[in-house]
Amino acid sequence: MFSLVLFGVLLVAGIFFLVFFAWKMRALRRAMNSGYSQSSGFSAGRATPDGENKVIEGEFVRVDESPTALRHIDE
């Protein structure tokens, strides 16, 4: 019986915490949504009005070809 009461109390406390957290974060969510809607609306593969392509996501590998980096390979 004790475990059932403890489970109920923890369940109510967890729900209260989630509601409280969502309530406190609502201003941040509104600011993020308004910033997104005011952005230029990127789409993959299209150029922006100023003629530049913008990469939203991607990966790259940087190869350091400086003389100090190449010296370690030769040794």
N, C-alpha and C. Protein backbone atom coordinates (compact mmCIF):
# COMPACT_ATOMS: atom_id res chain seq x y z
N MET A 1 0.83 -1.19 0.00
CA MET A 1 0.00 0.00 0.00
C MET A 1 0.88 1.26 0.00
N PHE A 2 1.97 1.21 0.77
CA PHE A 2 2.86 2.36 0.85
C PHE A 2 3.46 2.68 -0.52
N SER A 3 3.84 1.63 -1.26
CA SER A 3 4.46 1.86 -2.57
C SER A 3 3.46 2.48 -3.55
N LEU A 4 2.21 2.15 -3.44
CA LEU A 4 1.19 2.73 -4.31
C LEU A 4 1.01 4.21 -4.00
N VAL A 5 1.00 4.56 -2.74
CA VAL A 5 0.88 5.97 -2.34
C VAL A 5 2.12 6.74 -2.79
N LEU A 6 3.29 6.16 -2.60
CA LEU A 6 4.53 6.80 -3.02
C LEU A 6 4.55 7.00 -4.53
N PHE A 7 4.11 6.00 -5.29
CA PHE A 7 4.04 6.12 -6.74
C PHE A 7 3.09 7.25 -7.14
N GLY A 8 1.96 7.36 -6.49
CA GLY A 8 0.99 8.43 -6.79
C GLY A 8 1.57 9.81 -6.50
N VAL A 9 2.24 9.93 -5.37
CA VAL A 9 2.84 11.21 -5.00
C VAL A 9 3.92 11.60 -5.99
N LEU A 10 4.77 10.65 -6.37
CA LEU A 10 5.83 10.94 -7.34
C LEU A 10 5.25 11.27 -8.71
N LEU A 11 4.19 10.61 -9.09
CA LEU A 11 3.55 10.88 -10.37
C LEU A 11 2.98 12.30 -10.40
N VAL A 12 2.29 12.69 -9.35
CA VAL A 12 1.72 14.03 -9.27
C VAL A 12 2.84 15.08 -9.24
N ALA A 13 3.91 14.82 -8.48
CA ALA A 13 5.02 15.76 -8.43
C ALA A 13 5.70 15.89 -9.80
N GLY A 14 5.85 14.79 -10.50
CA GLY A 14 6.45 14.84 -11.83
C GLY A 14 5.61 15.63 -12.82
N ILE A 15 4.32 15.41 -12.79
CA ILE A 15 3.41 16.16 -13.66
C ILE A 15 3.45 17.65 -13.31
N PHE A 16 3.45 17.95 -12.03
CA PHE A 16 3.54 19.35 -11.60
C PHE A 16 4.83 19.99 -12.10
N PHE A 17 5.96 19.28 -11.99
CA PHE A 17 7.24 19.81 -12.45
C PHE A 17 7.22 20.06 -13.95
N LEU A 18 6.68 19.14 -14.74
CA LEU A 18 6.63 19.32 -16.19
C LEU A 18 5.76 20.51 -16.59
N VAL A 19 4.63 20.67 -15.93
CA VAL A 19 3.75 21.80 -16.22
C VAL A 19 4.43 23.11 -15.82
N PHE A 20 5.07 23.13 -14.67
CA PHE A 20 5.77 24.33 -14.21
C PHE A 20 6.90 24.69 -15.16
N PHE A 21 7.67 23.70 -15.61
CA PHE A 21 8.78 23.94 -16.53
C PHE A 21 8.27 24.47 -17.87
N ALA A 22 7.20 23.89 -18.39
CA ALA A 22 6.62 24.35 -19.65
C ALA A 22 6.09 25.78 -19.51
N TRP A 23 5.52 26.10 -18.37
CA TRP A 23 5.00 27.45 -18.13
C TRP A 23 6.14 28.47 -18.09
N LYS A 24 7.22 28.12 -17.45
CA LYS A 24 8.36 29.05 -17.36
C LYS A 24 9.08 29.22 -18.70
N MET A 25 9.03 28.23 -19.57
CA MET A 25 9.74 28.29 -20.84
C MET A 25 8.90 28.86 -21.98
N ARG A 26 7.67 29.27 -21.72
CA ARG A 26 6.80 29.72 -22.79
C ARG A 26 7.31 30.98 -23.46
N ALA A 27 7.93 31.89 -22.72
CA ALA A 27 8.46 33.11 -23.33
C ALA A 27 9.61 32.78 -24.28
N LEU A 28 10.44 31.83 -23.90
CA LEU A 28 11.54 31.42 -24.77
C LEU A 28 11.01 30.75 -26.03
N ARG A 29 10.00 29.92 -25.91
CA ARG A 29 9.42 29.28 -27.08
C ARG A 29 8.82 30.31 -28.03
N ARG A 30 8.14 31.30 -27.48
CA ARG A 30 7.55 32.35 -28.33
C ARG A 30 8.64 33.14 -29.05
N ALA A 31 9.72 33.46 -28.35
CA ALA A 31 10.81 34.22 -28.97
C ALA A 31 11.47 33.40 -30.07
N MET A 32 11.66 32.11 -29.84
CA MET A 32 12.26 31.26 -30.86
C MET A 32 11.35 31.14 -32.08
N ASN A 33 10.06 30.97 -31.86
CA ASN A 33 9.12 30.84 -32.97
C ASN A 33 9.01 32.13 -33.77
N SER A 34 9.01 33.27 -33.10
CA SER A 34 8.92 34.53 -33.83
C SER A 34 10.20 34.79 -34.60
N GLY A 35 11.34 34.43 -34.06
CA GLY A 35 12.60 34.58 -34.78
C GLY A 35 12.66 33.69 -35.99
N TYR A 36 12.11 32.51 -35.90
CA TYR A 36 12.10 31.58 -37.03
C TYR A 36 11.18 32.09 -38.13
N SER A 37 10.03 32.61 -37.77
CA SER A 37 9.09 33.07 -38.78
C SER A 37 9.58 34.35 -39.46
N GLN A 38 10.43 35.14 -38.79
CA GLN A 38 10.94 36.36 -39.39
C GLN A 38 12.20 36.11 -40.21
N SER A 39 12.76 34.91 -40.13
CA SER A 39 13.97 34.62 -40.89
C SER A 39 13.65 34.56 -42.37
N SER A 40 14.69 34.50 -43.17
CA SER A 40 14.48 34.54 -44.62
C SER A 40 13.96 33.22 -45.17
N GLY A 41 13.84 32.20 -44.37
CA GLY A 41 13.26 30.94 -44.82
C GLY A 41 14.16 30.20 -45.78
N PHE A 42 15.25 29.67 -45.28
CA PHE A 42 16.20 28.95 -46.12
C PHE A 42 15.56 27.68 -46.65
N SER A 43 15.95 27.32 -47.84
CA SER A 43 15.58 26.01 -48.37
C SER A 43 16.79 25.44 -49.07
N ALA A 44 16.96 24.16 -48.96
CA ALA A 44 18.16 23.52 -49.49
C ALA A 44 18.24 23.66 -51.00
N GLY A 45 19.42 24.03 -51.48
CA GLY A 45 19.64 24.09 -52.91
C GLY A 45 19.22 25.38 -53.57
N ARG A 46 18.68 26.31 -52.86
CA ARG A 46 18.25 27.57 -53.47
C ARG A 46 19.19 28.68 -53.03
N ALA A 47 19.38 29.63 -53.90
CA ALA A 47 20.21 30.78 -53.58
C ALA A 47 19.36 31.84 -52.89
N THR A 48 19.99 32.60 -52.02
CA THR A 48 19.31 33.70 -51.35
C THR A 48 19.22 34.86 -52.32
N PRO A 49 18.41 35.87 -52.05
CA PRO A 49 18.26 37.01 -52.98
C PRO A 49 19.59 37.71 -53.29
N ASP A 50 20.54 37.69 -52.37
CA ASP A 50 21.81 38.35 -52.65
C ASP A 50 22.75 37.46 -53.45
N GLY A 51 22.31 36.26 -53.85
CA GLY A 51 23.10 35.41 -54.71
C GLY A 51 24.01 34.43 -54.00
N GLU A 52 24.02 34.42 -52.69
CA GLU A 52 24.89 33.51 -51.95
C GLU A 52 24.11 32.28 -51.52
N ASN A 53 24.74 31.13 -51.61
CA ASN A 53 24.14 29.91 -51.08
C ASN A 53 24.50 29.80 -49.62
N LYS A 54 23.59 29.32 -48.83
CA LYS A 54 23.84 29.15 -47.40
C LYS A 54 23.70 27.68 -47.06
N VAL A 55 24.61 27.16 -46.25
CA VAL A 55 24.57 25.77 -45.83
C VAL A 55 23.93 25.73 -44.45
N ILE A 56 22.88 24.98 -44.32
CA ILE A 56 22.20 24.85 -43.04
C ILE A 56 22.85 23.76 -42.20
N GLU A 57 23.07 22.61 -42.78
CA GLU A 57 23.73 21.53 -42.07
C GLU A 57 24.82 20.97 -42.97
N GLY A 58 25.85 20.45 -42.36
CA GLY A 58 26.90 19.85 -43.17
C GLY A 58 28.07 19.43 -42.32
N GLU A 59 28.96 18.72 -42.92
CA GLU A 59 30.18 18.28 -42.27
C GLU A 59 31.36 18.64 -43.14
N PHE A 60 32.50 18.82 -42.52
CA PHE A 60 33.69 19.10 -43.29
C PHE A 60 34.88 18.53 -42.55
N VAL A 61 35.95 18.34 -43.28
CA VAL A 61 37.20 17.86 -42.70
C VAL A 61 38.25 18.90 -43.01
N ARG A 62 38.95 19.35 -42.01
CA ARG A 62 40.00 20.34 -42.19
C ARG A 62 41.34 19.63 -42.17
N VAL A 63 42.10 19.80 -43.22
CA VAL A 63 43.42 19.20 -43.30
C VAL A 63 44.43 20.30 -43.05
N ASP A 64 45.22 20.15 -42.03
CA ASP A 64 46.22 21.15 -41.68
C ASP A 64 47.49 20.86 -42.46
N GLU A 65 47.80 21.70 -43.43
CA GLU A 65 48.98 21.49 -44.27
C GLU A 65 50.08 22.49 -43.95
N SER A 66 50.08 23.00 -42.75
CA SER A 66 51.14 23.94 -42.37
C SER A 66 52.45 23.18 -42.24
N PRO A 67 53.58 23.87 -42.37
CA PRO A 67 54.89 23.20 -42.29
C PRO A 67 55.10 22.44 -40.97
N THR A 68 54.59 22.95 -39.88
CA THR A 68 54.77 22.25 -38.60
C THR A 68 53.98 20.96 -38.58
N ALA A 69 52.81 20.93 -39.18
CA ALA A 69 52.01 19.70 -39.20
C ALA A 69 52.65 18.66 -40.11
N LEU A 70 53.20 19.09 -41.23
CA LEU A 70 53.82 18.16 -42.16
C LEU A 70 55.15 17.61 -41.61
N ARG A 71 55.81 18.37 -40.78
CA ARG A 71 57.08 17.93 -40.21
C ARG A 71 56.87 16.69 -39.33
N HIS A 72 55.75 16.61 -38.62
CA HIS A 72 55.48 15.45 -37.77
C HIS A 72 55.25 14.19 -38.60
N ILE A 73 54.74 14.34 -39.79
CA ILE A 73 54.50 13.18 -40.65
C ILE A 73 55.82 12.63 -41.18
N ASP A 74 56.74 13.52 -41.53
CA ASP A 74 58.02 13.10 -42.10
C ASP A 74 58.91 12.42 -41.08
N GLU A 75 58.75 12.71 -39.83
CA GLU A 75 59.66 12.17 -38.80
C GLU A 75 59.39 10.75 -38.46
